[in-house]
N, C-alpha and C. Protein backbone atom coordinates (compact mmCIF):
# COMPACT_ATOMS: atom_id res chain seq x y z
N HIS A 1 0.68 -22.83 -1.48
CA HIS A 1 0.50 -23.03 -0.07
C HIS A 1 0.29 -21.67 0.60
N VAL A 2 -0.83 -21.50 1.29
CA VAL A 2 -1.14 -20.25 1.98
C VAL A 2 -0.97 -20.47 3.47
N SER A 3 -0.19 -19.60 4.10
CA SER A 3 0.10 -19.75 5.52
C SER A 3 -1.13 -19.44 6.37
N ALA A 4 -1.12 -19.95 7.60
CA ALA A 4 -2.20 -19.68 8.53
C ALA A 4 -2.26 -18.20 8.87
N ASP A 5 -1.10 -17.55 8.97
CA ASP A 5 -1.07 -16.11 9.26
C ASP A 5 -1.77 -15.33 8.15
N TYR A 6 -1.51 -15.70 6.91
CA TYR A 6 -2.13 -15.02 5.78
C TYR A 6 -3.65 -15.22 5.81
N ARG A 7 -4.08 -16.45 6.04
CA ARG A 7 -5.53 -16.72 6.10
C ARG A 7 -6.19 -15.92 7.22
N ARG A 8 -5.52 -15.82 8.36
CA ARG A 8 -6.05 -15.07 9.49
C ARG A 8 -6.17 -13.58 9.13
N GLU A 9 -5.13 -13.03 8.53
CA GLU A 9 -5.16 -11.62 8.14
C GLU A 9 -6.20 -11.38 7.04
N TYR A 10 -6.31 -12.31 6.10
CA TYR A 10 -7.29 -12.18 5.02
C TYR A 10 -8.71 -12.11 5.58
N SER A 11 -8.98 -12.91 6.60
CA SER A 11 -10.33 -12.93 7.17
C SER A 11 -10.69 -11.60 7.83
N LYS A 12 -9.71 -10.78 8.18
CA LYS A 12 -9.96 -9.48 8.80
C LYS A 12 -10.27 -8.39 7.77
N LEU A 13 -10.03 -8.67 6.50
CA LEU A 13 -10.21 -7.65 5.47
C LEU A 13 -11.68 -7.38 5.20
N SER A 14 -11.96 -6.15 4.81
CA SER A 14 -13.32 -5.81 4.40
C SER A 14 -13.58 -6.41 3.02
N THR A 15 -14.82 -6.40 2.62
CA THR A 15 -15.19 -6.93 1.30
C THR A 15 -14.46 -6.19 0.19
N LEU A 16 -14.26 -4.87 0.33
CA LEU A 16 -13.56 -4.10 -0.69
C LEU A 16 -12.08 -4.47 -0.77
N GLU A 17 -11.48 -4.82 0.35
CA GLU A 17 -10.06 -5.11 0.38
C GLU A 17 -9.74 -6.54 -0.08
N ARG A 18 -10.66 -7.45 0.05
CA ARG A 18 -10.38 -8.85 -0.26
C ARG A 18 -9.94 -9.11 -1.69
N PRO A 19 -10.55 -8.49 -2.72
CA PRO A 19 -10.05 -8.77 -4.08
C PRO A 19 -8.58 -8.41 -4.25
N MET A 20 -8.11 -7.42 -3.51
CA MET A 20 -6.72 -7.01 -3.63
C MET A 20 -5.78 -7.98 -2.91
N ALA A 21 -6.32 -8.86 -2.12
CA ALA A 21 -5.49 -9.83 -1.41
C ALA A 21 -4.90 -10.87 -2.35
N SER A 22 -5.32 -10.88 -3.58
CA SER A 22 -4.74 -11.81 -4.55
C SER A 22 -3.41 -11.29 -5.10
N LEU A 23 -3.04 -10.09 -4.71
CA LEU A 23 -1.75 -9.54 -5.12
C LEU A 23 -0.62 -10.39 -4.54
N PRO A 24 0.55 -10.33 -5.15
CA PRO A 24 1.66 -11.12 -4.63
C PRO A 24 1.98 -10.78 -3.18
N ILE A 25 2.26 -11.81 -2.41
CA ILE A 25 2.65 -11.61 -1.02
C ILE A 25 4.12 -11.22 -1.01
N PRO A 26 4.48 -10.14 -0.30
CA PRO A 26 5.88 -9.76 -0.23
C PRO A 26 6.74 -10.94 0.25
N SER A 27 7.93 -11.03 -0.29
CA SER A 27 8.82 -12.13 0.07
C SER A 27 10.17 -11.60 0.51
N GLN A 28 11.06 -12.51 0.86
CA GLN A 28 12.40 -12.14 1.29
C GLN A 28 13.18 -11.48 0.16
N HIS A 29 12.70 -11.57 -1.07
CA HIS A 29 13.38 -10.97 -2.21
C HIS A 29 12.97 -9.52 -2.44
N ASP A 30 11.93 -9.07 -1.75
CA ASP A 30 11.50 -7.68 -1.88
C ASP A 30 12.50 -6.76 -1.19
N LYS A 31 12.45 -5.48 -1.56
CA LYS A 31 13.28 -4.50 -0.90
C LYS A 31 12.85 -4.38 0.56
N PRO A 32 13.78 -4.10 1.46
CA PRO A 32 13.41 -3.97 2.88
C PRO A 32 12.53 -2.74 3.11
N LEU A 33 11.85 -2.74 4.24
CA LEU A 33 10.98 -1.64 4.62
C LEU A 33 11.77 -0.34 4.65
N LEU A 34 11.29 0.64 3.92
CA LEU A 34 11.94 1.95 3.93
C LEU A 34 11.63 2.63 5.27
N PRO A 35 12.57 3.42 5.79
CA PRO A 35 12.34 4.05 7.10
C PRO A 35 11.07 4.90 7.12
N TYR A 36 10.69 5.48 6.02
CA TYR A 36 9.51 6.35 5.93
C TYR A 36 8.36 5.64 5.24
N GLY A 37 8.53 4.39 4.86
CA GLY A 37 7.50 3.66 4.13
C GLY A 37 6.25 3.41 4.94
N LYS A 38 6.40 3.02 6.19
CA LYS A 38 5.24 2.73 7.01
C LYS A 38 4.42 4.00 7.24
N ASP A 39 5.08 5.12 7.49
CA ASP A 39 4.36 6.39 7.65
C ASP A 39 3.57 6.72 6.39
N PHE A 40 4.18 6.49 5.24
CA PHE A 40 3.52 6.77 3.96
C PHE A 40 2.29 5.88 3.77
N LEU A 41 2.43 4.58 4.03
CA LEU A 41 1.29 3.67 3.86
C LEU A 41 0.22 3.90 4.93
N ASP A 42 0.63 4.24 6.14
CA ASP A 42 -0.36 4.58 7.17
C ASP A 42 -1.20 5.78 6.72
N ALA A 43 -0.52 6.80 6.19
CA ALA A 43 -1.23 7.99 5.71
C ALA A 43 -2.15 7.63 4.54
N ALA A 44 -1.69 6.78 3.65
CA ALA A 44 -2.52 6.36 2.51
C ALA A 44 -3.76 5.62 2.99
N GLN A 45 -3.59 4.76 3.96
CA GLN A 45 -4.73 3.98 4.45
C GLN A 45 -5.79 4.88 5.08
N ARG A 46 -5.37 5.93 5.75
CA ARG A 46 -6.35 6.82 6.39
C ARG A 46 -6.77 7.99 5.50
N GLY A 47 -6.20 8.07 4.26
CA GLY A 47 -6.58 9.11 3.32
C GLY A 47 -5.97 10.47 3.60
N ASP A 48 -4.81 10.48 4.24
CA ASP A 48 -4.16 11.72 4.65
C ASP A 48 -3.13 12.17 3.60
N GLN A 49 -3.63 12.75 2.52
CA GLN A 49 -2.76 13.19 1.43
C GLN A 49 -1.79 14.27 1.89
N GLN A 50 -2.22 15.11 2.81
CA GLN A 50 -1.36 16.18 3.31
C GLN A 50 -0.10 15.62 3.97
N ALA A 51 -0.21 14.50 4.66
CA ALA A 51 0.96 13.86 5.27
C ALA A 51 1.82 13.16 4.22
N MET A 52 1.21 12.74 3.12
CA MET A 52 1.94 12.02 2.08
C MET A 52 2.76 12.93 1.18
N GLU A 53 2.28 14.15 0.96
CA GLU A 53 2.92 15.06 0.01
C GLU A 53 4.40 15.32 0.28
N PRO A 54 4.79 15.67 1.51
CA PRO A 54 6.22 15.91 1.73
C PRO A 54 7.06 14.64 1.60
N LEU A 55 6.48 13.50 1.92
CA LEU A 55 7.21 12.23 1.78
C LEU A 55 7.47 11.92 0.32
N ILE A 56 6.48 12.13 -0.54
CA ILE A 56 6.65 11.91 -1.98
C ILE A 56 7.65 12.89 -2.56
N ASP A 57 7.60 14.14 -2.10
CA ASP A 57 8.54 15.14 -2.61
C ASP A 57 9.98 14.73 -2.33
N GLU A 58 10.22 14.18 -1.15
CA GLU A 58 11.58 13.77 -0.78
C GLU A 58 11.94 12.37 -1.26
N HIS A 59 10.94 11.49 -1.39
CA HIS A 59 11.20 10.08 -1.70
C HIS A 59 10.20 9.59 -2.75
N PRO A 60 10.38 9.98 -4.02
CA PRO A 60 9.41 9.59 -5.05
C PRO A 60 9.30 8.07 -5.25
N GLU A 61 10.28 7.31 -4.78
CA GLU A 61 10.21 5.85 -4.89
C GLU A 61 9.05 5.26 -4.08
N LEU A 62 8.49 6.06 -3.18
CA LEU A 62 7.35 5.59 -2.40
C LEU A 62 6.12 5.32 -3.26
N LEU A 63 6.06 5.92 -4.43
CA LEU A 63 4.91 5.68 -5.31
C LEU A 63 4.74 4.20 -5.65
N SER A 64 5.83 3.46 -5.68
CA SER A 64 5.74 2.03 -5.99
C SER A 64 6.04 1.15 -4.77
N TYR A 65 6.06 1.75 -3.61
CA TYR A 65 6.40 1.01 -2.39
C TYR A 65 5.26 0.10 -1.97
N ARG A 66 5.60 -1.17 -1.63
CA ARG A 66 4.58 -2.16 -1.29
C ARG A 66 4.57 -2.55 0.17
N GLY A 67 5.43 -2.02 0.96
CA GLY A 67 5.30 -2.19 2.41
C GLY A 67 5.71 -3.50 3.00
N LYS A 68 6.74 -4.15 2.49
CA LYS A 68 7.21 -5.40 3.10
C LYS A 68 7.57 -5.15 4.57
N GLY A 69 7.05 -6.01 5.42
CA GLY A 69 7.44 -5.97 6.82
C GLY A 69 6.60 -5.10 7.72
N CYS A 70 5.60 -4.43 7.19
CA CYS A 70 4.75 -3.63 8.06
C CYS A 70 3.34 -4.22 8.06
N THR A 71 2.57 -3.86 9.05
CA THR A 71 1.24 -4.45 9.18
C THR A 71 0.35 -4.13 8.00
N LEU A 72 0.63 -3.04 7.29
CA LEU A 72 -0.19 -2.66 6.14
C LEU A 72 0.28 -3.31 4.86
N GLY A 73 1.44 -3.93 4.87
CA GLY A 73 1.99 -4.45 3.64
C GLY A 73 1.95 -5.95 3.50
N PHE A 74 1.21 -6.63 4.37
CA PHE A 74 1.27 -8.09 4.34
C PHE A 74 0.70 -8.66 3.06
N ILE A 75 -0.09 -7.89 2.33
CA ILE A 75 -0.60 -8.37 1.05
C ILE A 75 -0.09 -7.54 -0.12
N GLY A 76 0.87 -6.69 0.12
CA GLY A 76 1.54 -5.98 -0.95
C GLY A 76 0.85 -4.73 -1.47
N HIS A 77 0.02 -4.08 -0.68
CA HIS A 77 -0.66 -2.87 -1.12
C HIS A 77 0.32 -1.72 -1.30
N THR A 78 0.09 -0.94 -2.35
CA THR A 78 0.75 0.34 -2.53
C THR A 78 -0.22 1.42 -2.04
N ALA A 79 0.24 2.65 -2.01
CA ALA A 79 -0.66 3.75 -1.65
C ALA A 79 -1.81 3.86 -2.65
N LEU A 80 -1.54 3.56 -3.91
CA LEU A 80 -2.60 3.59 -4.92
C LEU A 80 -3.65 2.53 -4.64
N HIS A 81 -3.22 1.34 -4.23
CA HIS A 81 -4.18 0.29 -3.86
C HIS A 81 -5.06 0.75 -2.70
N TRP A 82 -4.43 1.33 -1.67
CA TRP A 82 -5.20 1.78 -0.51
C TRP A 82 -6.20 2.86 -0.90
N SER A 83 -5.77 3.83 -1.73
CA SER A 83 -6.69 4.90 -2.09
C SER A 83 -7.89 4.36 -2.88
N ALA A 84 -7.64 3.39 -3.75
CA ALA A 84 -8.75 2.79 -4.51
C ALA A 84 -9.66 1.98 -3.60
N ALA A 85 -9.08 1.17 -2.73
CA ALA A 85 -9.87 0.31 -1.84
C ALA A 85 -10.72 1.11 -0.86
N LYS A 86 -10.19 2.23 -0.43
CA LYS A 86 -10.91 3.04 0.56
C LYS A 86 -11.80 4.11 -0.07
N GLY A 87 -11.74 4.25 -1.40
CA GLY A 87 -12.59 5.21 -2.08
C GLY A 87 -12.08 6.64 -2.02
N TYR A 88 -10.78 6.82 -1.82
CA TYR A 88 -10.19 8.16 -1.78
C TYR A 88 -9.85 8.59 -3.21
N ILE A 89 -10.86 9.01 -3.95
CA ILE A 89 -10.71 9.31 -5.38
C ILE A 89 -9.72 10.44 -5.62
N GLY A 90 -9.81 11.50 -4.85
CA GLY A 90 -8.89 12.62 -5.01
C GLY A 90 -7.45 12.21 -4.80
N MET A 91 -7.21 11.42 -3.77
CA MET A 91 -5.86 10.94 -3.49
C MET A 91 -5.40 9.99 -4.60
N MET A 92 -6.29 9.17 -5.09
CA MET A 92 -5.94 8.25 -6.17
C MET A 92 -5.52 9.03 -7.42
N CYS A 93 -6.27 10.06 -7.77
CA CYS A 93 -5.92 10.89 -8.93
C CYS A 93 -4.59 11.59 -8.71
N TRP A 94 -4.36 12.08 -7.51
CA TRP A 94 -3.10 12.74 -7.19
C TRP A 94 -1.93 11.77 -7.35
N LEU A 95 -2.07 10.55 -6.85
CA LEU A 95 -1.01 9.55 -6.98
C LEU A 95 -0.76 9.21 -8.45
N LEU A 96 -1.81 9.07 -9.23
CA LEU A 96 -1.66 8.79 -10.65
C LEU A 96 -0.97 9.96 -11.36
N ASP A 97 -1.34 11.18 -11.01
CA ASP A 97 -0.68 12.35 -11.59
C ASP A 97 0.80 12.40 -11.24
N ARG A 98 1.14 11.89 -10.06
CA ARG A 98 2.55 11.87 -9.63
C ARG A 98 3.33 10.72 -10.26
N GLY A 99 2.62 9.80 -10.93
CA GLY A 99 3.31 8.71 -11.63
C GLY A 99 3.18 7.34 -10.99
N ALA A 100 2.20 7.13 -10.12
CA ALA A 100 2.00 5.82 -9.49
C ALA A 100 1.77 4.76 -10.57
N ASP A 101 2.39 3.62 -10.40
CA ASP A 101 2.32 2.52 -11.37
C ASP A 101 1.03 1.73 -11.16
N THR A 102 0.22 1.64 -12.19
CA THR A 102 -1.04 0.89 -12.10
C THR A 102 -0.85 -0.59 -12.32
N GLU A 103 0.35 -1.01 -12.64
CA GLU A 103 0.62 -2.42 -12.92
C GLU A 103 1.18 -3.20 -11.73
N LEU A 104 1.36 -2.54 -10.59
CA LEU A 104 1.91 -3.25 -9.42
C LEU A 104 0.84 -4.06 -8.75
């Protein structure tokens, strides 16, 4: 069962982002939104690696963060997903070098 909210948000996605919408939808069982998680995902979405670097240095768990509860996390994107979807190859390589999980 797909909610109306999900269908509405899915329709706003670009063609590149739509295949990633098949990822699991965050649920009440996911970890809560980290205080710095939204800033990290916002930076990932806009390709701002410089803003992401100090966050990763202090909070390496952000590499696998999926953004439950924020506008960028409604379909479970990680920073690695955003970098791939937006074509930020350098940022994607940097995240992989830092240990980003390709299986999320």
